[in-house]
Amino acid sequence: MRRSLFVSCLTFFAISPASADITHAIKSSISLTVDGAGSISTRLPSSMAVSGSNVTLGTPPTLGTLTSGTALGYTPGAYSITTAGDSFSYSESYIEGDDVPTVLSTTVTAGVVPAMPIFSSNTTTSGGVAGTLAGTIATDGALAITAGGAGTTAIGQVIQELTIR
């Protein structure tokens, strides 16, 4: 009996339990995005430039007053040649700037911009329309993504990690 007890004790201490760290992680996500509408406008100012040589200014050119819905108005200058018979140069330019707009801001409805200011330089981006855009993740990790309208993005992912040390 003593001998079997001794052998049992030796066997018990010789066989140690396995020790391992096991980590299991499940990470899931769905990202749904609808692009926003945007507009960048730059209003061009009115400008006038005069240059010349061997010319004398009589009456200076003038710009009128800007009133919404009407042209600014421009009256050219009156010049004469300073020294008759000599060469001369003369240049006068005028650019009519943008009118005062009736629409200075606007409201975006369902990704549509109904009215915008009309300026010399406009960059417009239409917005997305969510429509049927949707996404779900089931408990078993199954993804269900439904496409939306134009300007939408749907991204889904399930990551499973198993680490044994």
Protein backbone atom coordinates (compact mmCIF):
# COMPACT_ATOMS: atom_id res chain seq x y z
CA MET A 1 0.00 0.00 0.00
CA ARG A 2 2.81 2.35 0.87
CA ARG A 3 4.46 1.73 -2.43
CA SER A 4 1.30 2.46 -4.49
CA LEU A 5 0.72 5.62 -2.46
CA PHE A 6 4.28 6.72 -3.12
CA VAL A 7 3.94 6.02 -6.88
CA SER A 8 0.60 7.87 -6.94
CA CYS A 9 2.15 10.90 -5.26
CA LEU A 10 5.07 10.90 -7.69
CA THR A 11 2.68 10.69 -10.62
CA PHE A 12 0.54 13.50 -9.25
CA PHE A 13 3.50 15.86 -8.83
CA ALA A 14 5.19 14.86 -12.10
CA ILE A 15 2.15 15.71 -14.21
CA SER A 16 1.49 19.41 -13.86
CA PRO A 17 -1.53 21.06 -15.46
CA ALA A 18 -0.98 22.97 -18.73
CA SER A 19 -1.12 26.71 -18.34
CA ALA A 20 -2.00 28.82 -21.39
CA ASP A 21 -3.58 32.20 -21.85
CA ILE A 22 -6.33 32.13 -24.47
CA THR A 23 -7.90 35.37 -25.59
CA HIS A 24 -10.79 35.60 -28.03
CA ALA A 25 -12.07 38.98 -29.22
CA ILE A 26 -14.75 39.93 -31.73
CA LYS A 27 -14.84 43.49 -33.00
CA SER A 28 -17.53 44.65 -35.40
CA SER A 29 -18.50 47.99 -36.88
CA ILE A 30 -20.57 49.60 -39.59
CA SER A 31 -19.95 53.12 -40.87
CA LEU A 32 -22.69 54.90 -42.86
CA THR A 33 -21.85 58.25 -44.49
CA VAL A 34 -23.93 60.72 -46.47
CA ASP A 35 -21.96 63.46 -48.25
CA GLY A 36 -23.00 67.03 -47.47
CA ALA A 37 -23.77 69.61 -50.11
CA GLY A 38 -21.39 72.54 -50.43
CA SER A 39 -20.79 75.66 -52.42
CA ILE A 40 -17.87 78.06 -52.61
CA SER A 41 -18.48 81.35 -54.41
CA THR A 42 -16.16 84.25 -55.09
CA ARG A 43 -17.62 87.62 -55.93
CA LEU A 44 -15.65 89.53 -58.57
CA PRO A 45 -15.20 93.24 -57.86
CA SER A 46 -15.51 96.00 -60.43
CA SER A 47 -12.16 97.36 -61.55
CA MET A 48 -10.78 99.99 -63.84
CA ALA A 49 -7.24 100.68 -65.04
CA VAL A 50 -5.77 103.50 -67.16
CA SER A 51 -2.21 103.83 -68.41
CA GLY A 52 -0.46 105.79 -71.10
CA SER A 53 2.48 107.93 -72.16
CA ASN A 54 2.47 111.31 -73.91
CA VAL A 55 -1.21 111.80 -73.02
CA THR A 56 -2.81 114.44 -70.85
CA LEU A 57 -5.85 113.72 -68.73
CA GLY A 58 -8.81 116.01 -69.40
CA THR A 59 -11.77 114.38 -67.63
CA PRO A 60 -11.01 111.30 -65.45
CA PRO A 61 -12.92 108.05 -66.02
CA THR A 62 -15.53 107.26 -63.35
CA LEU A 63 -17.40 104.26 -62.00
CA GLY A 64 -21.07 104.58 -61.11
CA THR A 65 -22.81 103.39 -57.97
CA LEU A 66 -23.60 99.70 -57.62
CA THR A 67 -27.30 99.05 -57.18
CA SER A 68 -28.81 95.58 -57.13
CA GLY A 69 -30.16 94.60 -60.53
CA THR A 70 -28.43 97.35 -62.51
CA ALA A 71 -25.05 97.66 -64.12
CA LEU A 72 -22.43 99.63 -62.21
CA GLY A 73 -21.97 102.12 -64.98
CA TYR A 74 -18.74 103.43 -66.42
CA THR A 75 -17.89 106.76 -67.98
CA PRO A 76 -14.63 106.74 -69.97
CA GLY A 77 -12.09 109.50 -69.49
CA ALA A 78 -11.17 112.24 -71.95
CA TYR A 79 -7.50 112.51 -72.96
CA SER A 80 -5.41 114.53 -75.39
CA ILE A 81 -1.93 114.06 -76.83
CA THR A 82 0.63 116.08 -74.91
CA THR A 83 3.21 116.65 -77.69
CA ALA A 84 1.82 116.53 -81.20
CA GLY A 85 3.85 114.44 -83.61
CA ASP A 86 5.49 112.31 -80.89
CA SER A 87 4.50 108.71 -80.32
CA PHE A 88 1.96 108.00 -77.63
CA SER A 89 0.30 105.02 -75.96
CA TYR A 90 -2.96 104.76 -74.15
CA SER A 91 -4.82 101.89 -72.51
CA GLU A 92 -8.04 101.90 -70.54
CA SER A 93 -9.80 98.81 -69.23
CA TYR A 94 -12.93 98.20 -67.22
CA ILE A 95 -14.38 95.04 -65.70
CA GLU A 96 -17.97 94.99 -64.46
CA GLY A 97 -18.07 93.19 -61.13
CA ASP A 98 -20.73 90.87 -59.81
CA ASP A 99 -24.10 92.32 -58.91
CA VAL A 100 -25.37 92.31 -55.32
CA PRO A 101 -27.12 88.94 -55.18
CA THR A 102 -30.70 88.43 -54.06
CA VAL A 103 -29.68 85.06 -52.57
CA LEU A 104 -26.84 85.30 -50.04
CA SER A 105 -27.49 81.99 -48.29
CA THR A 106 -29.60 78.95 -48.97
CA THR A 107 -31.05 75.90 -47.28
CA VAL A 108 -30.18 72.39 -48.42
CA THR A 109 -33.21 70.08 -48.60
CA ALA A 110 -32.68 66.34 -49.13
CA GLY A 111 -29.24 67.01 -50.65
CA VAL A 112 -30.57 69.58 -53.10
CA VAL A 113 -29.62 73.26 -53.15
CA PRO A 114 -32.69 75.10 -54.50
CA ALA A 115 -31.07 78.50 -55.16
CA MET A 116 -27.54 79.86 -54.97
CA PRO A 117 -25.86 83.19 -55.56
CA ILE A 118 -24.58 83.67 -59.10
CA PHE A 119 -21.02 84.98 -58.99
CA SER A 120 -18.09 84.94 -61.38
CA SER A 121 -16.54 81.89 -59.73
CA ASN A 122 -18.65 79.06 -58.26
CA THR A 123 -17.77 75.54 -57.16
CA THR A 124 -20.74 73.42 -56.12
CA THR A 125 -20.89 69.90 -54.75
CA SER A 126 -24.23 68.15 -54.60
CA GLY A 127 -25.10 66.38 -51.38
CA GLY A 128 -25.84 62.72 -50.93
CA VAL A 129 -29.31 61.31 -50.45
CA ALA A 130 -29.56 58.64 -47.75
CA GLY A 131 -32.51 56.90 -49.40
CA THR A 132 -32.45 53.30 -48.17
CA LEU A 133 -28.92 53.48 -46.70
CA ALA A 134 -28.77 51.07 -43.72
CA GLY A 135 -26.55 48.54 -42.03
CA THR A 136 -26.85 45.90 -39.31
CA ILE A 137 -24.62 43.30 -37.68
CA ALA A 138 -26.24 40.12 -36.37
CA THR A 139 -25.03 38.33 -33.23
CA ASP A 140 -23.37 35.69 -35.42
CA GLY A 141 -21.33 38.44 -37.15
CA ALA A 142 -23.34 38.48 -40.38
CA LEU A 143 -23.37 41.91 -42.03
CA ALA A 144 -26.39 43.33 -43.85
CA ILE A 145 -25.72 46.56 -45.75
CA THR A 146 -28.31 48.29 -47.93
CA ALA A 147 -27.09 50.74 -50.57
CA GLY A 148 -28.27 54.32 -50.35
CA GLY A 149 -28.66 57.02 -52.96
CA ALA A 150 -25.92 58.99 -54.71
CA GLY A 151 -23.19 60.43 -52.47
CA THR A 152 -23.41 57.70 -49.80
CA THR A 153 -20.89 55.21 -48.42
CA ALA A 154 -21.42 52.09 -46.31
CA ILE A 155 -18.53 50.11 -44.83
CA GLY A 156 -18.93 47.07 -42.57
CA GLN A 157 -16.39 44.82 -40.94
CA VAL A 158 -16.14 41.99 -38.42
CA ILE A 159 -12.72 41.14 -36.98
CA GLN A 160 -12.18 37.97 -34.95
CA GLU A 161 -8.94 37.50 -33.01
CA LEU A 162 -7.76 34.37 -31.25
CA THR A 163 -4.52 34.57 -29.25
CA ILE A 164 -2.94 31.59 -27.51
CA ARG A 165 0.17 32.04 -25.37
